[in-house]
C-alpha cells in the first residue's frame, strides 16, 4: 500500500503523527489478539465438552429408545431462551441465562408413569444442546474478531508502519536536498556579488 504524500513540512508532521498513533496502538492490538486467541481456544474446548456431554446423555437414554415411540413429542416445547451479553476483549458474546419450557398438560392416568422422567430428560438434553450452540456462537464471534485483529496487526506491522517510515524518510531527504540546494545557490550568489564588488 503506497502512502500518498507531498514533499513539504506539513505532510511530514502529519505522517509523523499517524506513524506514532500506529506505533502506540500496536502493543494493545497484539495483546487483544493474544487474549482473543486464548478465549477462542477456551470456548472451543468448552464447546467440545458440550458435544461429548450431549453424546453421552444420548447414549445413556439409548436403552429406552423403544419407550420414546410412545412419548408425545408435542408435550415439551421451548418457549423462550434468555441470553445476556458479556464483553470479552471488547467483543460482545452471548451468555445463556435461562431456558423457558412450555409443558402441555397431560393425564397422568392415561399415559405411562415414566412421562415425568421423559420430560426431565428432554429438558436436560435441550439445555445441553442450546448451551452447546451458544458456546459455538461465542467461539465463532471471538474467532472472527481474532482474525480481524490479526489482519489489523499485520496491516500496521508489515504495511503501514514501514510505509509511513519510508515516506517520512523520503520527505526528509527531499527537504534536506532542497535546503542544501538553496544554501548552495545562496553561496553562489554571494560569491558573484563579492566578485562584482571586487571588480568595481
N, C-alpha and C. Protein backbone atom coordinates (compact mmCIF):
# COMPACT_ATOMS: atom_id res chain seq x y z
N UNK A 1 0.85 -1.18 0.00
CA UNK A 1 0.00 0.00 0.00
C UNK A 1 0.89 1.23 0.00
N UNK A 2 0.78 2.02 -1.03
CA UNK A 2 1.60 3.22 -1.12
C UNK A 2 0.94 4.35 -0.33
N UNK A 3 1.74 5.02 0.47
CA UNK A 3 1.27 6.15 1.26
C UNK A 3 1.31 7.38 0.37
N UNK A 4 0.18 8.11 0.30
CA UNK A 4 0.14 9.32 -0.51
C UNK A 4 0.65 10.49 0.34
N UNK A 5 1.55 11.27 -0.24
CA UNK A 5 2.09 12.41 0.50
C UNK A 5 2.63 13.45 -0.46
N UNK A 6 2.91 14.61 0.10
CA UNK A 6 3.54 15.69 -0.65
C UNK A 6 4.86 16.02 0.03
N UNK A 7 5.78 16.56 -0.75
CA UNK A 7 7.11 16.87 -0.21
C UNK A 7 7.11 18.24 0.47
N UNK A 8 6.49 18.29 1.67
CA UNK A 8 6.54 19.55 2.43
C UNK A 8 6.48 19.26 3.93
N UNK A 9 6.74 20.27 4.72
CA UNK A 9 6.82 20.14 6.18
C UNK A 9 5.48 19.73 6.80
N UNK A 10 4.39 20.23 6.23
CA UNK A 10 3.05 19.91 6.75
C UNK A 10 2.79 18.41 6.65
N UNK A 11 3.06 17.83 5.49
CA UNK A 11 2.85 16.40 5.31
C UNK A 11 3.81 15.59 6.18
N UNK A 12 5.00 16.10 6.38
CA UNK A 12 5.97 15.41 7.25
C UNK A 12 5.41 15.29 8.66
N UNK A 13 4.87 16.39 9.19
CA UNK A 13 4.30 16.39 10.54
C UNK A 13 3.08 15.47 10.61
N UNK A 14 2.24 15.53 9.58
CA UNK A 14 1.03 14.70 9.53
C UNK A 14 1.40 13.21 9.55
N UNK A 15 2.38 12.82 8.73
CA UNK A 15 2.80 11.41 8.67
C UNK A 15 3.44 10.95 9.97
N UNK A 16 4.21 11.85 10.61
CA UNK A 16 4.82 11.50 11.91
C UNK A 16 3.75 11.21 12.94
N UNK A 17 2.68 12.03 12.96
CA UNK A 17 1.57 11.82 13.90
C UNK A 17 0.89 10.48 13.64
N UNK A 18 0.61 10.20 12.36
CA UNK A 18 -0.06 8.95 12.01
C UNK A 18 0.81 7.74 12.35
N UNK A 19 2.10 7.88 12.16
CA UNK A 19 3.04 6.80 12.50
C UNK A 19 3.02 6.55 14.01
N UNK A 20 3.05 7.62 14.79
CA UNK A 20 3.04 7.47 16.26
C UNK A 20 1.75 6.82 16.75
N UNK A 21 0.63 7.17 16.13
CA UNK A 21 -0.65 6.56 16.51
C UNK A 21 -0.58 5.04 16.32
N UNK A 22 -0.04 4.61 15.20
CA UNK A 22 0.05 3.18 14.90
C UNK A 22 1.06 2.47 15.80
N UNK A 23 2.16 3.13 16.06
CA UNK A 23 3.18 2.52 16.93
C UNK A 23 2.64 2.35 18.34
N UNK A 24 1.87 3.35 18.82
CA UNK A 24 1.29 3.24 20.17
C UNK A 24 0.17 2.20 20.22
N UNK A 25 -0.59 2.06 19.12
CA UNK A 25 -1.72 1.12 19.10
C UNK A 25 -1.29 -0.33 18.94
N UNK A 26 -0.13 -0.55 18.34
CA UNK A 26 0.32 -1.91 18.02
C UNK A 26 0.41 -2.84 19.23
N UNK A 27 1.03 -2.43 20.35
CA UNK A 27 1.08 -3.35 21.50
C UNK A 27 -0.31 -3.72 22.04
N UNK A 28 -1.22 -2.74 22.04
CA UNK A 28 -2.59 -3.01 22.50
C UNK A 28 -3.27 -4.01 21.59
N UNK A 29 -3.09 -3.82 20.28
CA UNK A 29 -3.69 -4.76 19.32
C UNK A 29 -3.11 -6.17 19.49
N UNK A 30 -1.79 -6.24 19.72
CA UNK A 30 -1.16 -7.55 19.91
C UNK A 30 -1.69 -8.23 21.17
N UNK A 31 -1.87 -7.46 22.24
CA UNK A 31 -2.43 -8.02 23.48
C UNK A 31 -3.86 -8.50 23.27
N UNK A 32 -4.64 -7.69 22.52
CA UNK A 32 -6.03 -8.08 22.22
C UNK A 32 -6.04 -9.38 21.41
N UNK A 33 -5.15 -9.47 20.44
CA UNK A 33 -5.07 -10.67 19.60
C UNK A 33 -4.74 -11.90 20.46
N UNK A 34 -3.78 -11.74 21.37
CA UNK A 34 -3.39 -12.86 22.25
C UNK A 34 -4.55 -13.26 23.16
N UNK A 35 -5.25 -12.26 23.70
CA UNK A 35 -6.39 -12.54 24.58
C UNK A 35 -7.50 -13.25 23.81
N UNK A 36 -7.77 -12.78 22.60
CA UNK A 36 -8.81 -13.41 21.78
C UNK A 36 -8.43 -14.83 21.39
N UNK A 37 -7.16 -15.03 21.06
CA UNK A 37 -6.68 -16.38 20.71
C UNK A 37 -6.92 -17.33 21.89
N UNK A 38 -6.60 -16.87 23.09
CA UNK A 38 -6.79 -17.68 24.30
C UNK A 38 -8.28 -17.96 24.54
N UNK A 39 -9.11 -16.94 24.38
CA UNK A 39 -10.55 -17.10 24.60
C UNK A 39 -11.18 -18.03 23.56
N UNK A 40 -10.72 -17.95 22.32
CA UNK A 40 -11.22 -18.85 21.27
C UNK A 40 -10.89 -20.28 21.64
N UNK A 41 -9.67 -20.49 22.11
CA UNK A 41 -9.24 -21.84 22.49
C UNK A 41 -10.11 -22.38 23.63
N UNK A 42 -10.36 -21.52 24.64
CA UNK A 42 -11.20 -21.94 25.79
C UNK A 42 -12.62 -22.26 25.32
N UNK A 43 -13.19 -21.36 24.50
CA UNK A 43 -14.57 -21.56 24.02
C UNK A 43 -14.67 -22.84 23.20
N UNK A 44 -13.64 -23.12 22.40
CA UNK A 44 -13.63 -24.34 21.59
C UNK A 44 -13.60 -25.58 22.48
N UNK A 45 -12.78 -25.53 23.54
CA UNK A 45 -12.70 -26.66 24.47
C UNK A 45 -14.03 -26.89 25.16
N UNK A 46 -14.68 -25.80 25.60
CA UNK A 46 -15.97 -25.92 26.29
C UNK A 46 -17.03 -26.45 25.32
N UNK A 47 -17.01 -25.95 24.07
CA UNK A 47 -17.98 -26.43 23.07
C UNK A 47 -17.78 -27.93 22.81
N UNK A 48 -16.53 -28.37 22.75
CA UNK A 48 -16.25 -29.80 22.56
C UNK A 48 -16.72 -30.62 23.77
N UNK A 49 -16.56 -30.04 24.98
CA UNK A 49 -17.06 -30.72 26.18
C UNK A 49 -18.57 -30.90 26.11
N UNK A 50 -19.27 -29.86 25.62
CA UNK A 50 -20.72 -29.96 25.46
C UNK A 50 -21.09 -31.00 24.42
N UNK A 51 -20.30 -31.10 23.35
CA UNK A 51 -20.52 -32.15 22.35
C UNK A 51 -20.47 -33.53 23.00
N UNK A 52 -19.42 -33.75 23.79
CA UNK A 52 -19.23 -35.04 24.47
C UNK A 52 -20.34 -35.29 25.49
N UNK A 53 -20.71 -34.23 26.21
CA UNK A 53 -21.77 -34.35 27.21
C UNK A 53 -23.09 -34.74 26.55
N UNK A 54 -23.40 -34.08 25.43
CA UNK A 54 -24.64 -34.37 24.72
C UNK A 54 -24.62 -35.79 24.17
N UNK A 55 -23.48 -36.19 23.62
CA UNK A 55 -23.34 -37.55 23.09
C UNK A 55 -23.52 -38.58 24.20
N UNK A 56 -22.94 -38.32 25.35
CA UNK A 56 -23.05 -39.24 26.50
C UNK A 56 -24.51 -39.33 26.97
N UNK A 57 -25.16 -38.16 27.07
CA UNK A 57 -26.56 -38.16 27.50
C UNK A 57 -27.44 -38.96 26.53
N UNK A 58 -27.18 -38.77 25.24
CA UNK A 58 -27.98 -39.53 24.25
C UNK A 58 -27.72 -41.03 24.36
N UNK A 59 -26.46 -41.42 24.62
CA UNK A 59 -26.13 -42.84 24.79
C UNK A 59 -26.80 -43.41 26.04
N UNK A 60 -26.82 -42.59 27.11
CA UNK A 60 -27.43 -43.05 28.37
C UNK A 60 -28.91 -43.39 28.20
N UNK A 61 -29.57 -42.67 27.29
CA UNK A 61 -31.01 -42.90 27.11
C UNK A 61 -31.30 -43.81 25.92
N UNK A 62 -30.27 -44.33 25.30
CA UNK A 62 -30.42 -45.20 24.13
C UNK A 62 -31.17 -46.49 24.48
N UNK A 63 -30.95 -46.99 25.72
CA UNK A 63 -31.58 -48.25 26.13
C UNK A 63 -33.11 -48.15 26.17
N UNK A 64 -33.62 -46.93 26.34
CA UNK A 64 -35.07 -46.76 26.44
C UNK A 64 -35.67 -46.25 25.14
N UNK A 65 -34.98 -46.48 24.05
CA UNK A 65 -35.43 -45.93 22.75
C UNK A 65 -36.82 -46.42 22.35
N UNK A 66 -37.13 -47.62 22.70
CA UNK A 66 -38.46 -48.17 22.34
C UNK A 66 -39.57 -47.40 23.05
N UNK A 67 -39.29 -46.94 24.26
CA UNK A 67 -40.30 -46.20 25.02
C UNK A 67 -40.60 -44.84 24.38
N UNK A 68 -39.58 -44.25 23.74
CA UNK A 68 -39.75 -42.91 23.19
C UNK A 68 -40.78 -42.87 22.05
N UNK A 69 -41.05 -44.03 21.45
CA UNK A 69 -42.08 -44.09 20.41
C UNK A 69 -43.46 -43.77 21.00
N UNK A 70 -43.63 -44.09 22.29
CA UNK A 70 -44.91 -43.83 22.97
C UNK A 70 -45.03 -42.37 23.43
N UNK A 71 -43.91 -41.69 23.53
CA UNK A 71 -43.88 -40.33 24.10
C UNK A 71 -44.51 -39.32 23.14
N UNK A 72 -45.29 -38.42 23.68
CA UNK A 72 -45.92 -37.36 22.89
C UNK A 72 -44.89 -36.25 22.66
N UNK A 73 -44.42 -36.11 21.42
CA UNK A 73 -43.37 -35.14 21.10
C UNK A 73 -43.81 -33.69 21.26
N UNK A 74 -45.11 -33.45 21.28
CA UNK A 74 -45.60 -32.08 21.42
C UNK A 74 -45.80 -31.70 22.88
N UNK A 75 -45.43 -32.58 23.77
CA UNK A 75 -45.63 -32.35 25.21
C UNK A 75 -44.69 -31.26 25.74
N UNK A 76 -43.44 -31.23 25.23
CA UNK A 76 -42.44 -30.27 25.70
C UNK A 76 -41.99 -29.42 24.53
N UNK A 77 -42.03 -28.11 24.74
CA UNK A 77 -41.54 -27.18 23.71
C UNK A 77 -40.73 -26.08 24.40
N UNK A 78 -39.82 -25.51 23.65
CA UNK A 78 -39.04 -24.39 24.19
C UNK A 78 -39.82 -23.12 23.91
N UNK A 79 -40.18 -22.42 25.00
CA UNK A 79 -40.97 -21.20 24.86
C UNK A 79 -40.05 -20.01 24.60
N UNK A 80 -38.93 -19.94 25.35
CA UNK A 80 -38.03 -18.79 25.21
C UNK A 80 -36.66 -19.13 25.75
N UNK A 81 -35.66 -18.44 25.22
CA UNK A 81 -34.28 -18.60 25.68
C UNK A 81 -33.78 -17.22 26.07
N UNK A 82 -33.35 -17.08 27.32
CA UNK A 82 -32.81 -15.80 27.80
C UNK A 82 -31.30 -15.77 27.61
N UNK A 83 -30.85 -14.78 26.87
CA UNK A 83 -29.42 -14.60 26.65
C UNK A 83 -29.02 -13.22 27.16
N UNK A 84 -27.82 -13.14 27.66
CA UNK A 84 -27.26 -11.84 28.01
C UNK A 84 -25.97 -11.68 27.22
N UNK A 85 -25.35 -10.53 27.35
CA UNK A 85 -24.14 -10.24 26.60
C UNK A 85 -22.99 -10.02 27.57
N UNK A 86 -21.86 -10.63 27.25
CA UNK A 86 -20.65 -10.44 28.04
C UNK A 86 -19.54 -10.03 27.09
N UNK A 87 -18.85 -8.95 27.46
CA UNK A 87 -17.74 -8.49 26.61
C UNK A 87 -16.46 -9.23 26.99
N UNK A 88 -15.83 -9.79 25.97
CA UNK A 88 -14.54 -10.45 26.15
C UNK A 88 -13.57 -9.79 25.18
N UNK A 89 -12.56 -9.13 25.71
CA UNK A 89 -11.56 -8.42 24.90
C UNK A 89 -12.24 -7.48 23.90
N UNK A 90 -13.30 -6.82 24.36
CA UNK A 90 -14.01 -5.85 23.52
C UNK A 90 -15.02 -6.45 22.56
N UNK A 91 -15.23 -7.76 22.63
CA UNK A 91 -16.16 -8.44 21.72
C UNK A 91 -17.40 -8.86 22.51
N UNK A 92 -18.57 -8.49 22.02
CA UNK A 92 -19.82 -8.88 22.67
C UNK A 92 -20.11 -10.34 22.35
N UNK A 93 -20.22 -11.16 23.41
CA UNK A 93 -20.51 -12.59 23.21
C UNK A 93 -21.77 -12.97 23.99
N UNK A 94 -22.50 -13.98 23.49
CA UNK A 94 -23.73 -14.39 24.17
C UNK A 94 -23.44 -15.28 25.39
N UNK A 95 -24.31 -15.13 26.39
CA UNK A 95 -24.25 -15.98 27.59
C UNK A 95 -25.67 -16.50 27.84
N UNK A 96 -25.77 -17.81 28.01
CA UNK A 96 -27.08 -18.41 28.27
C UNK A 96 -27.46 -18.18 29.73
N UNK A 97 -28.60 -17.51 29.92
CA UNK A 97 -29.07 -17.25 31.29
C UNK A 97 -30.12 -18.27 31.71
N UNK A 98 -31.10 -18.50 30.83
CA UNK A 98 -32.18 -19.40 31.22
C UNK A 98 -32.92 -19.89 29.98
N UNK A 99 -33.55 -21.05 30.13
CA UNK A 99 -34.39 -21.60 29.06
C UNK A 99 -35.77 -21.82 29.66
N UNK A 100 -36.78 -21.30 28.97
CA UNK A 100 -38.16 -21.45 29.45
C UNK A 100 -38.85 -22.50 28.58
N UNK A 101 -39.36 -23.51 29.24
CA UNK A 101 -40.04 -24.59 28.54
C UNK A 101 -41.54 -24.44 28.68
N UNK A 102 -42.24 -24.87 27.67
CA UNK A 102 -43.70 -24.89 27.70
C UNK A 102 -44.10 -26.36 27.75
N UNK A 103 -44.66 -26.77 28.88
CA UNK A 103 -45.05 -28.16 29.05
C UNK A 103 -46.58 -28.24 29.04
N UNK A 104 -47.09 -28.97 28.05
CA UNK A 104 -48.54 -29.10 27.91
C UNK A 104 -49.07 -30.03 28.99
N UNK A 105 -50.29 -29.77 29.35
CA UNK A 105 -50.92 -30.63 30.36
C UNK A 105 -51.19 -32.01 29.74
N UNK A 106 -51.04 -33.02 30.58
CA UNK A 106 -51.31 -34.38 30.12
C UNK A 106 -51.89 -35.16 31.29
N UNK A 107 -52.56 -36.20 30.97
CA UNK A 107 -53.20 -37.02 32.00
C UNK A 107 -52.18 -38.04 32.52
N UNK A 108 -51.97 -38.03 33.83
CA UNK A 108 -51.03 -38.97 34.43
C UNK A 108 -51.64 -40.37 34.49
N UNK A 109 -52.98 -40.43 34.38
CA UNK A 109 -53.64 -41.73 34.45
C UNK A 109 -53.69 -42.42 33.09
N UNK A 110 -53.80 -41.63 32.02
CA UNK A 110 -53.92 -42.20 30.68
C UNK A 110 -52.57 -42.41 29.98
N UNK A 111 -51.50 -41.91 30.57
CA UNK A 111 -50.16 -42.02 29.97
C UNK A 111 -49.22 -42.80 30.90
N UNK A 112 -48.15 -43.34 30.35
CA UNK A 112 -47.21 -44.11 31.19
C UNK A 112 -46.63 -43.24 32.31
N UNK A 113 -46.32 -43.89 33.43
CA UNK A 113 -45.82 -43.14 34.59
C UNK A 113 -44.40 -42.58 34.39
N UNK A 114 -43.71 -43.02 33.35
CA UNK A 114 -42.35 -42.53 33.10
C UNK A 114 -42.34 -41.20 32.33
N UNK A 115 -43.53 -40.70 31.96
CA UNK A 115 -43.63 -39.42 31.23
C UNK A 115 -42.94 -38.28 31.98
N UNK A 116 -43.09 -38.25 33.29
CA UNK A 116 -42.48 -37.17 34.09
C UNK A 116 -40.96 -37.21 33.95
N UNK A 117 -40.40 -38.43 34.00
CA UNK A 117 -38.95 -38.58 33.79
C UNK A 117 -38.58 -38.20 32.35
N UNK A 118 -39.43 -38.57 31.41
CA UNK A 118 -39.18 -38.25 30.00
C UNK A 118 -39.11 -36.75 29.76
N UNK A 119 -40.00 -36.02 30.43
CA UNK A 119 -40.00 -34.55 30.32
C UNK A 119 -38.67 -33.99 30.84
N UNK A 120 -38.22 -34.50 31.98
CA UNK A 120 -36.95 -34.03 32.56
C UNK A 120 -35.77 -34.37 31.65
N UNK A 121 -35.82 -35.55 31.04
CA UNK A 121 -34.74 -35.97 30.12
C UNK A 121 -34.69 -35.03 28.91
N UNK A 122 -35.85 -34.73 28.35
CA UNK A 122 -35.90 -33.84 27.18
C UNK A 122 -35.41 -32.44 27.55
N UNK A 123 -35.81 -31.95 28.73
CA UNK A 123 -35.35 -30.63 29.18
C UNK A 123 -33.83 -30.61 29.34
N UNK A 124 -33.31 -31.69 29.90
CA UNK A 124 -31.86 -31.79 30.13
C UNK A 124 -31.11 -31.82 28.79
N UNK A 125 -31.60 -32.63 27.84
CA UNK A 125 -30.97 -32.72 26.51
C UNK A 125 -31.06 -31.38 25.78
N UNK A 126 -32.22 -30.73 25.85
CA UNK A 126 -32.40 -29.43 25.18
C UNK A 126 -31.47 -28.39 25.79
N UNK A 127 -31.34 -28.41 27.11
CA UNK A 127 -30.46 -27.45 27.79
C UNK A 127 -29.02 -27.63 27.32
N UNK A 128 -28.56 -28.87 27.28
CA UNK A 128 -27.18 -29.15 26.85
C UNK A 128 -26.98 -28.72 25.39
N UNK A 129 -27.96 -29.04 24.53
CA UNK A 129 -27.85 -28.69 23.10
C UNK A 129 -27.84 -27.17 22.89
N UNK A 130 -28.67 -26.46 23.62
CA UNK A 130 -28.72 -25.00 23.48
C UNK A 130 -27.44 -24.36 24.03
N UNK A 131 -26.99 -24.87 25.18
CA UNK A 131 -25.75 -24.34 25.76
C UNK A 131 -24.57 -24.56 24.81
N UNK A 132 -24.54 -25.72 24.18
CA UNK A 132 -23.50 -26.04 23.19
C UNK A 132 -23.56 -25.05 22.03
N UNK A 133 -24.77 -24.78 21.54
CA UNK A 133 -24.94 -23.85 20.41
C UNK A 133 -24.49 -22.43 20.79
N UNK A 134 -24.80 -22.01 22.00
CA UNK A 134 -24.38 -20.68 22.47
C UNK A 134 -22.85 -20.59 22.50
N UNK A 135 -22.21 -21.66 22.97
CA UNK A 135 -20.74 -21.65 23.02
C UNK A 135 -20.13 -21.67 21.62
N UNK A 136 -20.77 -22.37 20.68
CA UNK A 136 -20.27 -22.34 19.30
C UNK A 136 -20.41 -20.94 18.71
N UNK A 137 -21.53 -20.27 19.01
CA UNK A 137 -21.71 -18.88 18.55
C UNK A 137 -20.63 -17.98 19.15
N UNK A 138 -20.39 -18.17 20.44
CA UNK A 138 -19.37 -17.38 21.14
C UNK A 138 -18.00 -17.61 20.49
N UNK A 139 -17.69 -18.87 20.23
CA UNK A 139 -16.40 -19.23 19.63
C UNK A 139 -16.26 -18.58 18.24
N UNK A 140 -17.33 -18.61 17.45
CA UNK A 140 -17.28 -18.03 16.11
C UNK A 140 -17.10 -16.51 16.16
N UNK A 141 -17.81 -15.85 17.08
CA UNK A 141 -17.68 -14.40 17.22
C UNK A 141 -16.26 -14.02 17.64
N UNK A 142 -15.72 -14.76 18.61
CA UNK A 142 -14.36 -14.48 19.08
C UNK A 142 -13.33 -14.77 17.99
N UNK A 143 -13.54 -15.85 17.25
CA UNK A 143 -12.60 -16.20 16.19
C UNK A 143 -12.62 -15.17 15.07
N UNK A 144 -13.81 -14.67 14.73
CA UNK A 144 -13.93 -13.63 13.71
C UNK A 144 -13.20 -12.36 14.16
N UNK A 145 -13.41 -11.98 15.43
CA UNK A 145 -12.74 -10.79 15.97
C UNK A 145 -11.23 -10.99 16.00
N UNK A 146 -10.80 -12.22 16.33
CA UNK A 146 -9.35 -12.51 16.37
C UNK A 146 -8.75 -12.37 14.98
N UNK A 147 -9.45 -12.89 13.97
CA UNK A 147 -8.96 -12.79 12.59
C UNK A 147 -8.85 -11.33 12.15
N UNK A 148 -9.87 -10.54 12.49
CA UNK A 148 -9.85 -9.11 12.14
C UNK A 148 -8.70 -8.40 12.85
N UNK A 149 -8.48 -8.74 14.12
CA UNK A 149 -7.40 -8.11 14.88
C UNK A 149 -6.05 -8.52 14.31
N UNK A 150 -5.91 -9.79 13.94
CA UNK A 150 -4.66 -10.27 13.34
C UNK A 150 -4.39 -9.53 12.03
N UNK A 151 -5.45 -9.32 11.23
CA UNK A 151 -5.29 -8.57 9.98
C UNK A 151 -4.81 -7.15 10.25
N UNK A 152 -5.40 -6.53 11.30
CA UNK A 152 -5.01 -5.15 11.62
C UNK A 152 -3.58 -5.09 12.11
N UNK A 153 -3.18 -6.06 12.95
CA UNK A 153 -1.79 -6.12 13.43
C UNK A 153 -0.84 -6.25 12.24
N UNK A 154 -1.16 -7.17 11.32
CA UNK A 154 -0.32 -7.36 10.13
C UNK A 154 -0.29 -6.11 9.26
N UNK A 155 -1.45 -5.45 9.11
CA UNK A 155 -1.51 -4.22 8.32
C UNK A 155 -0.59 -3.16 8.93
N UNK A 156 -0.68 -2.97 10.24
CA UNK A 156 0.16 -1.97 10.91
C UNK A 156 1.63 -2.35 10.82
N UNK A 157 1.93 -3.61 11.20
CA UNK A 157 3.32 -4.06 11.31
C UNK A 157 4.03 -4.16 9.96
N UNK A 158 3.34 -4.72 8.99
CA UNK A 158 4.02 -5.07 7.73
C UNK A 158 3.78 -4.07 6.61
N UNK A 159 2.74 -3.23 6.73
CA UNK A 159 2.43 -2.33 5.63
C UNK A 159 2.51 -0.86 6.05
N UNK A 160 1.64 -0.47 6.99
CA UNK A 160 1.51 0.95 7.28
C UNK A 160 2.72 1.55 7.99
N UNK A 161 3.20 0.92 9.06
CA UNK A 161 4.35 1.49 9.78
C UNK A 161 5.57 1.59 8.86
N UNK A 162 5.96 0.51 8.15
CA UNK A 162 7.09 0.66 7.21
C UNK A 162 6.81 1.69 6.12
N UNK A 163 5.56 1.77 5.64
CA UNK A 163 5.18 2.73 4.60
C UNK A 163 5.33 4.16 5.08
N UNK A 164 4.84 4.44 6.30
CA UNK A 164 4.98 5.78 6.87
C UNK A 164 6.45 6.13 7.10
N UNK A 165 7.21 5.17 7.62
CA UNK A 165 8.64 5.42 7.87
C UNK A 165 9.36 5.74 6.57
N UNK A 166 9.04 5.00 5.51
CA UNK A 166 9.68 5.24 4.20
C UNK A 166 9.28 6.62 3.65
N UNK A 167 7.99 6.96 3.76
CA UNK A 167 7.51 8.25 3.26
C UNK A 167 8.17 9.40 4.03
N UNK A 168 8.27 9.25 5.35
CA UNK A 168 8.92 10.29 6.18
C UNK A 168 10.37 10.46 5.76
N UNK A 169 11.05 9.35 5.54
CA UNK A 169 12.46 9.40 5.11
C UNK A 169 12.60 10.11 3.76
N UNK A 170 11.70 9.82 2.83
CA UNK A 170 11.75 10.46 1.51
C UNK A 170 11.53 11.96 1.62
N UNK A 171 10.54 12.35 2.44
CA UNK A 171 10.27 13.79 2.61
C UNK A 171 11.47 14.48 3.25
N UNK A 172 12.04 13.86 4.29
CA UNK A 172 13.21 14.45 4.97
C UNK A 172 14.36 14.64 3.99
N UNK A 173 14.63 13.61 3.19
CA UNK A 173 15.73 13.69 2.21
C UNK A 173 15.46 14.80 1.20
N UNK A 174 14.22 14.87 0.73
CA UNK A 174 13.86 15.90 -0.24
C UNK A 174 14.06 17.29 0.36
N UNK A 175 13.56 17.47 1.59
CA UNK A 175 13.68 18.79 2.23
C UNK A 175 15.14 19.13 2.50
N UNK A 176 15.94 18.12 2.89
CA UNK A 176 17.37 18.36 3.10
C UNK A 176 18.06 18.73 1.79
N UNK A 177 17.73 18.01 0.71
CA UNK A 177 18.31 18.32 -0.60
C UNK A 177 17.92 19.73 -1.04
N UNK A 178 16.64 20.06 -0.81
CA UNK A 178 16.15 21.39 -1.18
C UNK A 178 16.90 22.46 -0.39
N UNK A 179 17.11 22.20 0.90
CA UNK A 179 17.83 23.15 1.76
C UNK A 179 19.28 23.29 1.31
N UNK A 180 19.92 22.15 0.99
CA UNK A 180 21.31 22.18 0.51
C UNK A 180 21.43 22.94 -0.80
N UNK A 181 20.47 22.71 -1.72
CA UNK A 181 20.47 23.43 -3.00
C UNK A 181 20.29 24.93 -2.77
N UNK A 182 19.41 25.26 -1.85
CA UNK A 182 19.15 26.67 -1.54
C UNK A 182 20.41 27.33 -0.97
N UNK A 183 21.08 26.60 -0.05
CA UNK A 183 22.33 27.13 0.53
C UNK A 183 23.41 27.27 -0.54
N UNK A 184 23.49 26.28 -1.42
CA UNK A 184 24.48 26.33 -2.49
C UNK A 184 24.19 27.50 -3.42
N UNK A 185 22.92 27.70 -3.75
CA UNK A 185 22.53 28.82 -4.61
C UNK A 185 22.86 30.15 -3.95
N UNK A 186 22.58 30.24 -2.63
CA UNK A 186 22.89 31.47 -1.90
C UNK A 186 24.40 31.73 -1.88
N UNK A 187 25.17 30.67 -1.73
CA UNK A 187 26.62 30.80 -1.71
C UNK A 187 27.14 31.30 -3.06
N UNK A 188 26.57 30.73 -4.14
CA UNK A 188 26.97 31.15 -5.49
C UNK A 188 26.63 32.62 -5.70
N UNK A 189 25.44 33.03 -5.32
CA UNK A 189 25.00 34.42 -5.45
C UNK A 189 25.91 35.33 -4.64
N UNK A 190 26.23 34.91 -3.40
CA UNK A 190 27.10 35.70 -2.52
C UNK A 190 28.49 35.86 -3.14
N UNK A 191 29.03 34.74 -3.66
CA UNK A 191 30.35 34.79 -4.29
C UNK A 191 30.35 35.71 -5.51
N UNK A 192 29.31 35.64 -6.33
CA UNK A 192 29.22 36.51 -7.51
C UNK A 192 29.13 37.98 -7.11
N UNK A 193 28.35 38.24 -6.06
CA UNK A 193 28.24 39.60 -5.57
C UNK A 193 29.58 40.13 -5.09
N UNK A 194 30.32 39.25 -4.37
CA UNK A 194 31.65 39.65 -3.88
C UNK A 194 32.59 39.92 -5.07
N UNK A 195 32.52 39.04 -6.08
CA UNK A 195 33.37 39.21 -7.26
C UNK A 195 33.02 40.51 -7.99
N UNK A 196 31.73 40.81 -8.05
CA UNK A 196 31.30 42.04 -8.71
C UNK A 196 31.76 43.27 -7.95
N UNK A 197 31.68 43.19 -6.59
CA UNK A 197 32.11 44.31 -5.75
C UNK A 197 33.62 44.51 -5.87
N UNK A 198 34.36 43.41 -5.94
CA UNK A 198 35.82 43.49 -6.06
C UNK A 198 36.22 44.02 -7.43
N UNK A 199 35.45 43.70 -8.44
CA UNK A 199 35.74 44.10 -9.81
C UNK A 199 35.42 45.57 -10.06
N UNK A 200 34.60 46.17 -9.24
CA UNK A 200 34.21 47.58 -9.45
C UNK A 200 35.22 48.54 -8.92
